[in-house]
């Protein structure tokens, strides 16, 4: 139950949501504090991330810890870090 007495969405109770939200904010703060230690560009070949992901989504939801771990281990290495001090710019191509 939420503080107002109404039922939540059923996905996550408020205590669990707060716990995971704090973990995400801590992750963001750590990322921003250490982004200069990451490579600017990913060292992956095109399609490599797709090959590392499951072919189909899970039938049941997964624990948030696993989602965040997958983000760290799979998604983050495939990111171009635009806020890295050595990222020099992005030039859009417009017709």
PDB file of N, CA and C in Angstrom:
ATOM      1  N   UNK A   1       0.840  -1.181   0.000  1.00  0.00           N
ATOM      2  CA  UNK A   1       0.000   0.000   0.000  1.00  0.00           C
ATOM      3  C   UNK A   1       0.883   1.242   0.000  1.00  0.00           C
ATOM      4  N   UNK A   2       0.446   2.213  -0.716  1.00  0.00           N
ATOM      5  CA  UNK A   2       1.147   3.487  -0.744  1.00  0.00           C
ATOM      6  C   UNK A   2       0.762   4.278   0.497  1.00  0.00           C
ATOM      7  N   UNK A   3       1.502   5.360   0.840  1.00  0.00           N
ATOM      8  CA  UNK A   3       1.174   6.143   2.027  1.00  0.00           C
ATOM      9  C   UNK A   3      -0.272   6.651   2.030  1.00  0.00           C
ATOM     10  N   UNK A   4      -0.852   6.884   0.849  1.00  0.00           N
ATOM     11  CA  UNK A   4      -2.225   7.371   0.802  1.00  0.00           C
ATOM     12  C   UNK A   4      -3.225   6.257   1.063  1.00  0.00           C
ATOM     13  N   UNK A   5      -2.752   5.017   1.120  1.00  0.00           N
ATOM     14  CA  UNK A   5      -3.633   3.882   1.350  1.00  0.00           C
ATOM     15  C   UNK A   5      -4.077   3.207   0.068  1.00  0.00           C
ATOM     16  N   UNK A   6      -3.768   3.782  -1.087  1.00  0.00           N
ATOM     17  CA  UNK A   6      -4.150   3.175  -2.363  1.00  0.00           C
ATOM     18  C   UNK A   6      -3.151   2.089  -2.745  1.00  0.00           C
ATOM     19  N   UNK A   7      -3.607   1.126  -3.485  1.00  0.00           N
ATOM     20  CA  UNK A   7      -2.726   0.075  -3.964  1.00  0.00           C
ATOM     21  C   UNK A   7      -1.765   0.642  -4.997  1.00  0.00           C
ATOM     22  N   UNK A   8      -0.548   0.132  -5.017  1.00  0.00           N
ATOM     23  CA  UNK A   8       0.412   0.544  -6.022  1.00  0.00           C
ATOM     24  C   UNK A   8       0.124  -0.162  -7.334  1.00  0.00           C
ATOM     25  N   UNK A   9       1.071  -0.096  -8.233  1.00  0.00           N
ATOM     26  CA  UNK A   9       0.884  -0.721  -9.544  1.00  0.00           C
ATOM     27  C   UNK A   9       1.064  -2.230  -9.491  1.00  0.00           C
ATOM     28  N   UNK A  10       1.635  -2.728  -8.421  1.00  0.00           N
ATOM     29  CA  UNK A  10       1.891  -4.152  -8.325  1.00  0.00           C
ATOM     30  C   UNK A  10       3.267  -4.522  -8.829  1.00  0.00           C
ATOM     31  N   UNK A  11       3.947  -3.590  -9.493  1.00  0.00           N
ATOM     32  CA  UNK A  11       5.277  -3.881 -10.011  1.00  0.00           C
ATOM     33  C   UNK A  11       6.322  -3.905  -8.904  1.00  0.00           C
ATOM     34  N   UNK A  12       6.248  -2.917  -8.035  1.00  0.00           N
ATOM     35  CA  UNK A  12       7.263  -2.748  -7.005  1.00  0.00           C
ATOM     36  C   UNK A  12       6.647  -1.948  -5.863  1.00  0.00           C
ATOM     37  N   UNK A  13       6.879  -2.384  -4.648  1.00  0.00           N
ATOM     38  CA  UNK A  13       6.359  -1.583  -3.537  1.00  0.00           C
ATOM     39  C   UNK A  13       7.238  -0.338  -3.357  1.00  0.00           C
ATOM     40  N   UNK A  14       6.729   0.698  -2.700  1.00  0.00           N
ATOM     41  CA  UNK A  14       7.480   1.957  -2.580  1.00  0.00           C
ATOM     42  C   UNK A  14       8.867   1.793  -1.956  1.00  0.00           C
ATOM     43  N   UNK A  15       9.009   0.930  -0.959  1.00  0.00           N
ATOM     44  CA  UNK A  15      10.317   0.718  -0.340  1.00  0.00           C
ATOM     45  C   UNK A  15      11.305   0.156  -1.344  1.00  0.00           C
ATOM     46  N   UNK A  16      10.888  -0.846  -2.108  1.00  0.00           N
ATOM     47  CA  UNK A  16      11.765  -1.457  -3.106  1.00  0.00           C
ATOM     48  C   UNK A  16      12.089  -0.456  -4.223  1.00  0.00           C
ATOM     49  N   UNK A  17      11.095   0.317  -4.642  1.00  0.00           N
ATOM     50  CA  UNK A  17      11.325   1.335  -5.659  1.00  0.00           C
ATOM     51  C   UNK A  17      12.378   2.338  -5.187  1.00  0.00           C
ATOM     52  N   UNK A  18      12.253   2.812  -3.951  1.00  0.00           N
ATOM     53  CA  UNK A  18      13.229   3.763  -3.415  1.00  0.00           C
ATOM     54  C   UNK A  18      14.635   3.161  -3.389  1.00  0.00           C
ATOM     55  N   UNK A  19      14.720   1.921  -2.971  1.00  0.00           N
ATOM     56  CA  UNK A  19      16.015   1.240  -2.894  1.00  0.00           C
ATOM     57  C   UNK A  19      16.676   1.196  -4.277  1.00  0.00           C
ATOM     58  N   UNK A  20      15.924   0.798  -5.294  1.00  0.00           N
ATOM     59  CA  UNK A  20      16.485   0.705  -6.640  1.00  0.00           C
ATOM     60  C   UNK A  20      16.741   2.085  -7.239  1.00  0.00           C
ATOM     61  N   UNK A  21      15.874   3.035  -6.956  1.00  0.00           N
ATOM     62  CA  UNK A  21      16.072   4.396  -7.458  1.00  0.00           C
ATOM     63  C   UNK A  21      17.350   4.993  -6.877  1.00  0.00           C
ATOM     64  N   UNK A  22      17.600   4.756  -5.591  1.00  0.00           N
ATOM     65  CA  UNK A  22      18.842   5.239  -4.978  1.00  0.00           C
ATOM     66  C   UNK A  22      20.056   4.567  -5.626  1.00  0.00           C
ATOM     67  N   UNK A  23      19.946   3.277  -5.923  1.00  0.00           N
ATOM     68  CA  UNK A  23      21.055   2.563  -6.573  1.00  0.00           C
ATOM     69  C   UNK A  23      21.333   3.153  -7.955  1.00  0.00           C
ATOM     70  N   UNK A  24      20.277   3.506  -8.685  1.00  0.00           N
ATOM     71  CA  UNK A  24      20.460   4.099 -10.013  1.00  0.00           C
ATOM     72  C   UNK A  24      21.097   5.484  -9.902  1.00  0.00           C
ATOM     73  N   UNK A  25      20.654   6.291  -8.949  1.00  0.00           N
ATOM     74  CA  UNK A  25      21.246   7.626  -8.771  1.00  0.00           C
ATOM     75  C   UNK A  25      22.720   7.491  -8.376  1.00  0.00           C
ATOM     76  N   UNK A  26      23.035   6.542  -7.513  1.00  0.00           N
ATOM     77  CA  UNK A  26      24.436   6.309  -7.148  1.00  0.00           C
ATOM     78  C   UNK A  26      25.246   5.896  -8.375  1.00  0.00           C
ATOM     79  N   UNK A  27      24.661   5.038  -9.227  1.00  0.00           N
ATOM     80  CA  UNK A  27      25.349   4.609 -10.448  1.00  0.00           C
ATOM     81  C   UNK A  27      25.623   5.818 -11.336  1.00  0.00           C
ATOM     82  N   UNK A  28      24.634   6.685 -11.515  1.00  0.00           N
ATOM     83  CA  UNK A  28      24.802   7.873 -12.354  1.00  0.00           C
ATOM     84  C   UNK A  28      25.909   8.766 -11.805  1.00  0.00           C
ATOM     85  N   UNK A  29      25.910   8.992 -10.497  1.00  0.00           N
ATOM     86  CA  UNK A  29      26.943   9.834  -9.888  1.00  0.00           C
ATOM     87  C   UNK A  29      28.329   9.217 -10.093  1.00  0.00           C
ATOM     88  N   UNK A  30      28.452   7.910  -9.913  1.00  0.00           N
ATOM     89  CA  UNK A  30      29.735   7.236 -10.125  1.00  0.00           C
ATOM     90  C   UNK A  30      30.153   7.316 -11.592  1.00  0.00           C
ATOM     91  N   UNK A  31      29.196   7.139 -12.502  1.00  0.00           N
ATOM     92  CA  UNK A  31      29.491   7.230 -13.931  1.00  0.00           C
ATOM     93  C   UNK A  31      30.028   8.612 -14.275  1.00  0.00           C
ATOM     94  N   UNK A  32      29.340   9.651 -13.843  1.00  0.00           N
ATOM     95  CA  UNK A  32      29.770  11.009 -14.163  1.00  0.00           C
ATOM     96  C   UNK A  32      31.117  11.347 -13.531  1.00  0.00           C
ATOM     97  N   UNK A  33      31.380  10.808 -12.336  1.00  0.00           N
ATOM     98  CA  UNK A  33      32.656  11.059 -11.669  1.00  0.00           C
ATOM     99  C   UNK A  33      33.813  10.349 -12.365  1.00  0.00           C
ATOM    100  N   UNK A  34      33.525   9.249 -13.066  1.00  0.00           N
ATOM    101  CA  UNK A  34      34.609   8.474 -13.675  1.00  0.00           C
ATOM    102  C   UNK A  34      34.513   8.316 -15.169  1.00  0.00           C
ATOM    103  N   UNK A  35      33.673   9.120 -15.832  1.00  0.00           N
ATOM    104  CA  UNK A  35      33.492   8.961 -17.278  1.00  0.00           C
ATOM    105  C   UNK A  35      34.801   9.163 -18.037  1.00  0.00           C
ATOM    106  N   UNK A  36      35.705   9.970 -17.507  1.00  0.00           N
ATOM    107  CA  UNK A  36      36.983  10.207 -18.182  1.00  0.00           C
ATOM    108  C   UNK A  36      37.878   8.976 -18.204  1.00  0.00           C
ATOM    109  N   UNK A  37      37.557   7.959 -17.433  1.00  0.00           N
ATOM    110  CA  UNK A  37      38.336   6.725 -17.412  1.00  0.00           C
ATOM    111  C   UNK A  37      37.819   5.707 -18.430  1.00  0.00           C
ATOM    112  N   UNK A  38      36.669   5.990 -19.037  1.00  0.00           N
ATOM    113  CA  UNK A  38      36.073   5.091 -20.025  1.00  0.00           C
ATOM    114  C   UNK A  38      36.549   5.473 -21.417  1.00  0.00           C
ATOM    115  N   UNK A  39      36.530   4.519 -22.346  1.00  0.00           N
ATOM    116  CA  UNK A  39      36.865   4.897 -23.722  1.00  0.00           C
ATOM    117  C   UNK A  39      35.739   5.757 -24.305  1.00  0.00           C
ATOM    118  N   UNK A  40      36.082   6.712 -25.150  1.00  0.00           N
ATOM    119  CA  UNK A  40      35.070   7.568 -25.747  1.00  0.00           C
ATOM    120  C   UNK A  40      34.146   6.737 -26.633  1.00  0.00           C
ATOM    121  N   UNK A  41      34.731   5.905 -27.470  1.00  0.00           N
ATOM    122  CA  UNK A  41      33.960   5.086 -28.403  1.00  0.00           C
ATOM    123  C   UNK A  41      33.984   3.624 -27.983  1.00  0.00           C
ATOM    124  N   UNK A  42      32.921   2.897 -28.286  1.00  0.00           N
ATOM    125  CA  UNK A  42      32.905   1.474 -27.934  1.00  0.00           C
ATOM    126  C   UNK A  42      33.886   0.686 -28.792  1.00  0.00           C
ATOM    127  N   UNK A  43      34.416  -0.370 -28.219  1.00  0.00           N
ATOM    128  CA  UNK A  43      35.341  -1.246 -28.936  1.00  0.00           C
ATOM    129  C   UNK A  43      34.594  -2.487 -29.418  1.00  0.00           C
ATOM    130  N   UNK A  44      33.397  -2.284 -29.945  1.00  0.00           N
ATOM    131  CA  UNK A  44      32.563  -3.383 -30.422  1.00  0.00           C
ATOM    132  C   UNK A  44      32.378  -3.270 -31.931  1.00  0.00           C
ATOM    133  N   UNK A  45      32.196  -4.399 -32.549  1.00  0.00           N
ATOM    134  CA  UNK A  45      31.869  -4.430 -33.972  1.00  0.00           C
ATOM    135  C   UNK A  45      30.362  -4.242 -34.115  1.00  0.00           C
ATOM    136  N   UNK A  46      29.909  -3.701 -35.235  1.00  0.00           N
ATOM    137  CA  UNK A  46      28.464  -3.581 -35.450  1.00  0.00           C
ATOM    138  C   UNK A  46      27.769  -4.934 -35.280  1.00  0.00           C
ATOM    139  N   UNK A  47      26.693  -4.937 -34.535  1.00  0.00           N
ATOM    140  CA  UNK A  47      25.931  -6.156 -34.293  1.00  0.00           C
ATOM    141  C   UNK A  47      26.400  -6.974 -33.107  1.00  0.00           C
ATOM    142  N   UNK A  48      27.538  -6.622 -32.532  1.00  0.00           N
ATOM    143  CA  UNK A  48      28.085  -7.404 -31.420  1.00  0.00           C
ATOM    144  C   UNK A  48      27.192  -7.351 -30.190  1.00  0.00           C
ATOM    145  N   UNK A  49      26.650  -6.188 -29.881  1.00  0.00           N
ATOM    146  CA  UNK A  49      25.741  -6.087 -28.733  1.00  0.00           C
ATOM    147  C   UNK A  49      24.498  -6.928 -28.971  1.00  0.00           C
ATOM    148  N   UNK A  50      23.934  -6.833 -30.158  1.00  0.00           N
ATOM    149  CA  UNK A  50      22.730  -7.620 -30.457  1.00  0.00           C
ATOM    150  C   UNK A  50      22.991  -9.109 -30.240  1.00  0.00           C
ATOM    151  N   UNK A  51      24.166  -9.570 -30.639  1.00  0.00           N
ATOM    152  CA  UNK A  51      24.509 -10.978 -30.454  1.00  0.00           C
ATOM    153  C   UNK A  51      24.660 -11.366 -28.994  1.00  0.00           C
ATOM    154  N   UNK A  52      24.947 -10.394 -28.128  1.00  0.00           N
ATOM    155  CA  UNK A  52      25.120 -10.675 -26.700  1.00  0.00           C
ATOM    156  C   UNK A  52      23.788 -10.669 -25.951  1.00  0.00           C
ATOM    157  N   UNK A  53      22.750 -10.119 -26.582  1.00  0.00           N
ATOM    158  CA  UNK A  53      21.436 -10.048 -25.933  1.00  0.00           C
ATOM    159  C   UNK A  53      20.628 -11.292 -26.246  1.00  0.00           C
ATOM    160  N   UNK A  54      19.696 -11.655 -25.365  1.00  0.00           N
ATOM    161  CA  UNK A  54      18.840 -12.812 -25.649  1.00  0.00           C
ATOM    162  C   UNK A  54      18.017 -12.572 -26.921  1.00  0.00           C
ATOM    163  N   UNK A  55      17.711 -13.647 -27.631  1.00  0.00           N
ATOM    164  CA  UNK A  55      16.935 -13.536 -28.866  1.00  0.00           C
ATOM    165  C   UNK A  55      15.499 -13.096 -28.592  1.00  0.00           C
ATOM    166  N   UNK A  56      14.993 -13.458 -27.427  1.00  0.00           N
ATOM    167  CA  UNK A  56      13.622 -13.076 -27.048  1.00  0.00           C
ATOM    168  C   UNK A  56      13.651 -12.517 -25.629  1.00  0.00           C
ATOM    169  N   UNK A  57      12.728 -11.621 -25.317  1.00  0.00           N
ATOM    170  CA  UNK A  57      12.697 -11.087 -23.948  1.00  0.00           C
ATOM    171  C   UNK A  57      12.266 -12.167 -22.958  1.00  0.00           C
ATOM    172  N   UNK A  58      12.600 -11.985 -21.685  1.00  0.00           N
ATOM    173  CA  UNK A  58      12.196 -12.988 -20.684  1.00  0.00           C
ATOM    174  C   UNK A  58      10.682 -13.020 -20.532  1.00  0.00           C
ATOM    175  N   UNK A  59      10.175 -14.179 -20.226  1.00  0.00           N
ATOM    176  CA  UNK A  59       8.732 -14.341 -20.007  1.00  0.00           C
ATOM    177  C   UNK A  59       8.336 -13.672 -18.698  1.00  0.00           C
ATOM    178  N   UNK A  60       9.151 -13.844 -17.681  1.00  0.00           N
ATOM    179  CA  UNK A  60       8.918 -13.229 -16.376  1.00  0.00           C
ATOM    180  C   UNK A  60       9.895 -12.073 -16.195  1.00  0.00           C
ATOM    181  N   UNK A  61       9.462 -11.074 -15.436  1.00  0.00           N
ATOM    182  CA  UNK A  61      10.359  -9.972 -15.116  1.00  0.00           C
ATOM    183  C   UNK A  61      11.595 -10.475 -14.387  1.00  0.00           C
ATOM    184  N   UNK A  62      12.683  -9.746 -14.524  1.00  0.00           N
ATOM    185  CA  UNK A  62      13.920 -10.119 -13.868  1.00  0.00           C
ATOM    186  C   UNK A  62      14.180  -9.186 -12.696  1.00  0.00           C
ATOM    187  N   UNK A  63      14.958  -9.632 -11.723  1.00  0.00           N
ATOM    188  CA  UNK A  63      15.285  -8.761 -10.592  1.00  0.00           C
ATOM    189  C   UNK A  63      16.042  -7.522 -11.067  1.00  0.00           C
ATOM    190  N   UNK A  64      15.810  -6.416 -10.411  1.00  0.00           N
ATOM    191  CA  UNK A  64      16.440  -5.157 -10.787  1.00  0.00           C
ATOM    192  C   UNK A  64      17.957  -5.260 -10.731  1.00  0.00           C
ATOM    193  N   UNK A  65      18.492  -6.006  -9.789  1.00  0.00           N
ATOM    194  CA  UNK A  65      19.945  -6.180  -9.697  1.00  0.00           C
ATOM    195  C   UNK A  65      20.493  -6.777 -10.995  1.00  0.00           C
ATOM    196  N   UNK A  66      19.774  -7.735 -11.555  1.00  0.00           N
ATOM    197  CA  UNK A  66      20.234  -8.358 -12.805  1.00  0.00           C
ATOM    198  C   UNK A  66      20.118  -7.376 -13.967  1.00  0.00           C
ATOM    199  N   UNK A  67      19.062  -6.584 -13.995  1.00  0.00           N
ATOM    200  CA  UNK A  67      18.900  -5.589 -15.052  1.00  0.00           C
ATOM    201  C   UNK A  67      20.057  -4.594 -15.013  1.00  0.00           C
ATOM    202  N   UNK A  68      20.389  -4.105 -13.816  1.00  0.00           N
ATOM    203  CA  UNK A  68      21.482  -3.144 -13.683  1.00  0.00           C
ATOM    204  C   UNK A  68      22.825  -3.777 -14.013  1.00  0.00           C
ATOM    205  N   UNK A  69      23.016  -5.036 -13.645  1.00  0.00           N
ATOM    206  CA  UNK A  69      24.259  -5.747 -13.978  1.00  0.00           C
ATOM    207  C   UNK A  69      24.378  -5.908 -15.498  1.00  0.00           C
ATOM    208  N   UNK A  70      23.278  -6.303 -16.157  1.00  0.00           N
ATOM    209  CA  UNK A  70      23.295  -6.428 -17.615  1.00  0.00           C
ATOM    210  C   UNK A  70      23.592  -5.079 -18.273  1.00  0.00           C
ATOM    211  N   UNK A  71      23.035  -4.011 -17.706  1.00  0.00           N
ATOM    212  CA  UNK A  71      23.304  -2.680 -18.240  1.00  0.00           C
ATOM    213  C   UNK A  71      24.803  -2.376 -18.166  1.00  0.00           C
ATOM    214  N   UNK A  72      25.400  -2.651 -16.998  1.00  0.00           N
ATOM    215  CA  UNK A  72      26.839  -2.397 -16.813  1.00  0.00           C
ATOM    216  C   UNK A  72      27.698  -3.259 -17.742  1.00  0.00           C
ATOM    217  N   UNK A  73      27.344  -4.532 -17.865  1.00  0.00           N
ATOM    218  CA  UNK A  73      28.193  -5.475 -18.582  1.00  0.00           C
ATOM    219  C   UNK A  73      27.941  -5.511 -20.089  1.00  0.00           C
ATOM    220  N   UNK A  74      26.718  -5.200 -20.532  1.00  0.00           N
ATOM    221  CA  UNK A  74      26.386  -5.309 -21.948  1.00  0.00           C
ATOM    222  C   UNK A  74      26.177  -3.960 -22.632  1.00  0.00           C
ATOM    223  N   UNK A  75      25.361  -3.112 -22.021  1.00  0.00           N
ATOM    224  CA  UNK A  75      24.986  -1.853 -22.666  1.00  0.00           C
ATOM    225  C   UNK A  75      26.101  -0.814 -22.560  1.00  0.00           C
ATOM    226  N   UNK A  76      26.624  -0.600 -21.363  1.00  0.00           N
ATOM    227  CA  UNK A  76      27.634   0.446 -21.166  1.00  0.00           C
ATOM    228  C   UNK A  76      28.844   0.295 -22.089  1.00  0.00           C
ATOM    229  N   UNK A  77      29.369  -0.923 -22.302  1.00  0.00           N
ATOM    230  CA  UNK A  77      30.508  -1.039 -23.223  1.00  0.00           C
ATOM    231  C   UNK A  77      30.165  -0.704 -24.677  1.00  0.00           C
ATOM    232  N   UNK A  78      28.881  -0.614 -25.009  1.00  0.00           N
ATOM    233  CA  UNK A  78      28.457  -0.318 -26.380  1.00  0.00           C
ATOM    234  C   UNK A  78      28.072   1.149 -26.567  1.00  0.00           C
ATOM    235  N   UNK A  79      28.329   1.977 -25.563  1.00  0.00           N
ATOM    236  CA  UNK A  79      27.907   3.374 -25.579  1.00  0.00           C
ATOM    237  C   UNK A  79      29.038   4.284 -26.040  1.00  0.00           C
ATOM    238  N   UNK A  80      28.683   5.298 -26.830  1.00  0.00           N
ATOM    239  CA  UNK A  80      29.607   6.405 -27.088  1.00  0.00           C
ATOM    240  C   UNK A  80      29.377   7.413 -25.972  1.00  0.00           C
ATOM    241  N   UNK A  81      30.419   7.737 -25.242  1.00  0.00           N
ATOM    242  CA  UNK A  81      30.292   8.591 -24.057  1.00  0.00           C
ATOM    243  C   UNK A  81      30.419  10.059 -24.458  1.00  0.00           C
ATOM    244  N   UNK A  82      29.295  10.664 -24.783  1.00  0.00           N
ATOM    245  CA  UNK A  82      29.246  12.038 -25.262  1.00  0.00           C
ATOM    246  C   UNK A  82      29.721  13.035 -24.215  1.00  0.00           C
ATOM    247  N   UNK A  83      29.636  12.680 -22.942  1.00  0.00           N
ATOM    248  CA  UNK A  83      30.061  13.618 -21.904  1.00  0.00           C
ATOM    249  C   UNK A  83      31.505  13.351 -21.446  1.00  0.00           C
ATOM    250  N   UNK A  84      32.232  12.533 -22.186  1.00  0.00           N
ATOM    251  CA  UNK A  84      33.648  12.292 -21.926  1.00  0.00           C
ATOM    252  C   UNK A  84      34.423  13.565 -22.296  1.00  0.00           C
ATOM    253  N   UNK A  85      35.429  13.943 -21.508  1.00  0.00           N
ATOM    254  CA  UNK A  85      36.183  15.168 -21.825  1.00  0.00           C
ATOM    255  C   UNK A  85      36.868  15.124 -23.199  1.00  0.00           C
ATOM    256  N   UNK A  86      37.112  13.936 -23.750  1.00  0.00           N
ATOM    257  CA  UNK A  86      37.764  13.843 -25.055  1.00  0.00           C
ATOM    258  C   UNK A  86      36.778  13.715 -26.219  1.00  0.00           C
ATOM    259  N   UNK A  87      35.485  13.713 -25.927  1.00  0.00           N
ATOM    260  CA  UNK A  87      34.497  13.690 -27.008  1.00  0.00           C
ATOM    261  C   UNK A  87      34.457  15.081 -27.619  1.00  0.00           C
ATOM    262  N   UNK A  88      34.747  15.177 -28.892  1.00  0.00           N
ATOM    263  CA  UNK A  88      34.938  16.486 -29.524  1.00  0.00           C
ATOM    264  C   UNK A  88      33.714  17.041 -30.241  1.00  0.00           C
ATOM    265  N   UNK A  89      32.730  16.229 -30.477  1.00  0.00           N
ATOM    266  CA  UNK A  89      31.537  16.800 -31.098  1.00  0.00           C
ATOM    267  C   UNK A  89      30.798  15.805 -31.956  1.00  0.00           C
ATOM    268  N   UNK A  90      29.613  16.206 -32.284  1.00  0.00           N
ATOM    269  CA  UNK A  90      28.735  15.408 -33.130  1.00  0.00           C
ATOM    270  C   UNK A  90      28.241  16.325 -34.233  1.00  0.00           C
ATOM    271  N   UNK A  91      28.411  15.892 -35.449  1.00  0.00           N
ATOM    272  CA  UNK A  91      27.996  16.695 -36.578  1.00  0.00           C
ATOM    273  C   UNK A  91      26.864  15.981 -37.294  1.00  0.00           C
ATOM    274  N   UNK A  92      25.675  16.539 -37.187  1.00  0.00           N
ATOM    275  CA  UNK A  92      24.517  15.935 -37.835  1.00  0.00           C
ATOM    276  C   UNK A  92      24.597  16.154 -39.341  1.00  0.00           C
ATOM    277  N   UNK A  93      24.144  15.192 -40.064  1.00  0.00           N
ATOM    278  CA  UNK A  93      24.075  15.311 -41.518  1.00  0.00           C
ATOM    279  C   UNK A  93      22.629  15.619 -41.860  1.00  0.00           C
ATOM    280  N   UNK A  94      22.411  16.789 -42.404  1.00  0.00           N
ATOM    281  CA  UNK A  94      21.052  17.141 -42.805  1.00  0.00           C
ATOM    282  C   UNK A  94      21.028  17.359 -44.305  1.00  0.00           C
ATOM    283  N   UNK A  95      19.986  16.880 -44.924  1.00  0.00           N
ATOM    284  CA  UNK A  95      19.877  16.970 -46.379  1.00  0.00           C
ATOM    285  C   UNK A  95      19.384  18.281 -46.742  1.00  0.00           C
TER     286      UNK A  95
END
